[in-house]
Amino acid sequence: MAESAHSPAARLSRIFRKAGVFLAKGQLEQALTAFREGEALAVTLGDEEKLALFREEITQCEEQLKEG
């Protein structure tokens, strides 16, 4: 069954892809903003698995910003 474009899983995936595009361009601040948006949505949805994923990415992004 195909996911609706507005389903929670689709929204989380879209945010994650958007952050990935920013990372690929070296735009860490924008990627961090997108990851935080995903974190907030995962909290709202109660999706612990995605929440952990977004938080891991946030940590990595913050570390890269500090290094660089």
N, C-alpha and C. Protein backbone atom coordinates (compact mmCIF):
# COMPACT_ATOMS: atom_id res chain seq x y z
N MET A 1 0.84 -1.18 0.00
CA MET A 1 0.00 0.00 0.00
C MET A 1 0.89 1.25 0.00
N ALA A 2 0.62 2.17 -0.88
CA ALA A 2 1.43 3.38 -1.01
C ALA A 2 1.10 4.35 0.12
N GLU A 3 2.13 5.07 0.58
CA GLU A 3 1.94 6.04 1.65
C GLU A 3 1.39 7.33 1.06
N SER A 4 0.49 7.95 1.79
CA SER A 4 -0.01 9.26 1.41
C SER A 4 1.14 10.26 1.49
N ALA A 5 1.10 11.25 0.64
CA ALA A 5 2.16 12.27 0.64
C ALA A 5 2.18 13.04 1.96
N HIS A 6 1.07 12.98 2.70
CA HIS A 6 0.98 13.72 3.96
C HIS A 6 1.04 12.80 5.17
N SER A 7 1.32 11.53 4.96
CA SER A 7 1.40 10.61 6.09
C SER A 7 2.59 10.99 6.97
N PRO A 8 2.53 10.65 8.25
CA PRO A 8 3.65 10.97 9.13
C PRO A 8 4.98 10.41 8.63
N ALA A 9 4.99 9.18 8.16
CA ALA A 9 6.23 8.58 7.66
C ALA A 9 6.76 9.35 6.46
N ALA A 10 5.87 9.77 5.57
CA ALA A 10 6.30 10.53 4.39
C ALA A 10 6.85 11.89 4.80
N ARG A 11 6.22 12.53 5.78
CA ARG A 11 6.70 13.83 6.25
C ARG A 11 8.08 13.71 6.87
N LEU A 12 8.29 12.69 7.69
CA LEU A 12 9.60 12.48 8.31
C LEU A 12 10.66 12.19 7.26
N SER A 13 10.32 11.38 6.28
CA SER A 13 11.26 11.05 5.21
C SER A 13 11.63 12.28 4.40
N ARG A 14 10.65 13.11 4.12
CA ARG A 14 10.90 14.32 3.34
C ARG A 14 11.85 15.26 4.09
N ILE A 15 11.65 15.41 5.40
CA ILE A 15 12.53 16.26 6.21
C ILE A 15 13.95 15.70 6.22
N PHE A 16 14.05 14.37 6.36
CA PHE A 16 15.38 13.74 6.39
C PHE A 16 16.11 13.94 5.06
N ARG A 17 15.37 13.79 3.96
CA ARG A 17 15.99 14.01 2.63
C ARG A 17 16.43 15.46 2.46
N LYS A 18 15.59 16.39 2.92
CA LYS A 18 15.92 17.82 2.82
C LYS A 18 17.21 18.10 3.58
N ALA A 19 17.33 17.55 4.78
CA ALA A 19 18.56 17.73 5.56
C ALA A 19 19.75 17.13 4.84
N GLY A 20 19.56 16.00 4.21
CA GLY A 20 20.63 15.34 3.47
C GLY A 20 21.13 16.19 2.32
N VAL A 21 20.22 16.88 1.66
CA VAL A 21 20.61 17.77 0.56
C VAL A 21 21.48 18.91 1.10
N PHE A 22 21.06 19.47 2.24
CA PHE A 22 21.86 20.53 2.85
C PHE A 22 23.25 20.02 3.24
N LEU A 23 23.30 18.81 3.80
CA LEU A 23 24.60 18.23 4.18
C LEU A 23 25.48 18.05 2.95
N ALA A 24 24.91 17.57 1.88
CA ALA A 24 25.67 17.34 0.65
C ALA A 24 26.26 18.64 0.10
N LYS A 25 25.56 19.74 0.34
CA LYS A 25 26.03 21.05 -0.12
C LYS A 25 26.95 21.73 0.90
N GLY A 26 27.15 21.06 2.05
CA GLY A 26 27.99 21.65 3.08
C GLY A 26 27.29 22.72 3.89
N GLN A 27 25.98 22.77 3.82
CA GLN A 27 25.19 23.78 4.54
C GLN A 27 24.74 23.20 5.88
N LEU A 28 25.68 23.17 6.83
CA LEU A 28 25.43 22.49 8.10
C LEU A 28 24.35 23.16 8.94
N GLU A 29 24.30 24.47 8.95
CA GLU A 29 23.28 25.18 9.74
C GLU A 29 21.87 24.84 9.25
N GLN A 30 21.71 24.83 7.93
CA GLN A 30 20.40 24.51 7.36
C GLN A 30 20.04 23.05 7.61
N ALA A 31 21.03 22.17 7.53
CA ALA A 31 20.79 20.75 7.82
C ALA A 31 20.38 20.58 9.27
N LEU A 32 21.05 21.28 10.16
CA LEU A 32 20.73 21.20 11.58
C LEU A 32 19.30 21.68 11.84
N THR A 33 18.90 22.74 11.17
CA THR A 33 17.53 23.25 11.30
C THR A 33 16.53 22.20 10.84
N ALA A 34 16.81 21.55 9.73
CA ALA A 34 15.92 20.51 9.22
C ALA A 34 15.86 19.31 10.17
N PHE A 35 17.02 18.90 10.68
CA PHE A 35 17.03 17.78 11.63
C PHE A 35 16.23 18.12 12.88
N ARG A 36 16.32 19.35 13.34
CA ARG A 36 15.55 19.76 14.53
C ARG A 36 14.05 19.78 14.22
N GLU A 37 13.70 20.16 13.01
CA GLU A 37 12.30 20.11 12.58
C GLU A 37 11.80 18.66 12.62
N GLY A 38 12.62 17.75 12.12
CA GLY A 38 12.27 16.34 12.15
C GLY A 38 12.17 15.80 13.57
N GLU A 39 13.08 16.27 14.43
CA GLU A 39 13.05 15.86 15.83
C GLU A 39 11.72 16.27 16.47
N ALA A 40 11.31 17.51 16.24
CA ALA A 40 10.06 18.01 16.81
C ALA A 40 8.86 17.22 16.29
N LEU A 41 8.87 16.91 15.01
CA LEU A 41 7.76 16.14 14.44
C LEU A 41 7.74 14.73 15.02
N ALA A 42 8.90 14.11 15.16
CA ALA A 42 8.97 12.76 15.72
C ALA A 42 8.46 12.75 17.16
N VAL A 43 8.78 13.80 17.93
CA VAL A 43 8.27 13.91 19.30
C VAL A 43 6.74 14.01 19.27
N THR A 44 6.24 14.87 18.41
CA THR A 44 4.79 15.06 18.29
C THR A 44 4.09 13.76 17.92
N LEU A 45 4.71 13.00 17.03
CA LEU A 45 4.11 11.75 16.55
C LEU A 45 4.36 10.58 17.50
N GLY A 46 5.27 10.76 18.46
CA GLY A 46 5.61 9.67 19.36
C GLY A 46 6.40 8.57 18.69
N ASP A 47 7.17 8.92 17.66
CA ASP A 47 7.96 7.94 16.91
C ASP A 47 9.37 7.90 17.50
N GLU A 48 9.56 6.98 18.45
CA GLU A 48 10.84 6.90 19.17
C GLU A 48 12.00 6.53 18.25
N GLU A 49 11.75 5.67 17.29
CA GLU A 49 12.81 5.23 16.37
C GLU A 49 13.33 6.40 15.54
N LYS A 50 12.43 7.16 14.96
CA LYS A 50 12.83 8.31 14.14
C LYS A 50 13.42 9.41 15.03
N LEU A 51 12.88 9.56 16.23
CA LEU A 51 13.41 10.55 17.16
C LEU A 51 14.88 10.27 17.45
N ALA A 52 15.20 9.03 17.71
CA ALA A 52 16.60 8.66 17.98
C ALA A 52 17.47 8.94 16.77
N LEU A 53 16.96 8.68 15.58
CA LEU A 53 17.72 8.91 14.35
C LEU A 53 17.99 10.41 14.16
N PHE A 54 16.96 11.22 14.33
CA PHE A 54 17.15 12.67 14.18
C PHE A 54 18.11 13.20 15.23
N ARG A 55 18.02 12.72 16.46
CA ARG A 55 18.91 13.20 17.51
C ARG A 55 20.36 12.81 17.25
N GLU A 56 20.56 11.63 16.70
CA GLU A 56 21.92 11.21 16.34
C GLU A 56 22.50 12.14 15.27
N GLU A 57 21.68 12.45 14.27
CA GLU A 57 22.13 13.35 13.20
C GLU A 57 22.39 14.76 13.73
N ILE A 58 21.56 15.22 14.66
CA ILE A 58 21.76 16.54 15.26
C ILE A 58 23.11 16.59 15.97
N THR A 59 23.40 15.55 16.73
CA THR A 59 24.67 15.48 17.45
C THR A 59 25.85 15.53 16.49
N GLN A 60 25.78 14.75 15.41
CA GLN A 60 26.86 14.74 14.43
C GLN A 60 27.02 16.10 13.76
N CYS A 61 25.92 16.72 13.45
CA CYS A 61 25.95 18.03 12.79
C CYS A 61 26.56 19.07 13.73
N GLU A 62 26.15 19.05 14.99
CA GLU A 62 26.70 20.00 15.96
C GLU A 62 28.20 19.80 16.14
N GLU A 63 28.65 18.55 16.15
CA GLU A 63 30.09 18.28 16.27
C GLU A 63 30.85 18.81 15.06
N GLN A 64 30.30 18.65 13.88
CA GLN A 64 30.95 19.17 12.67
C GLN A 64 31.03 20.68 12.71
N LEU A 65 29.99 21.32 13.21
CA LEU A 65 29.99 22.79 13.29
C LEU A 65 31.06 23.26 14.28
N LYS A 66 31.23 22.57 15.38
CA LYS A 66 32.24 22.93 16.37
C LYS A 66 33.66 22.78 15.81
N GLU A 67 33.84 21.74 15.00
CA GLU A 67 35.16 21.47 14.42
C GLU A 67 35.53 22.48 13.35
N GLY A 68 34.48 23.00 12.72
CA GLY A 68 34.82 23.74 11.67
C GLY A 68 34.75 24.88 10.96
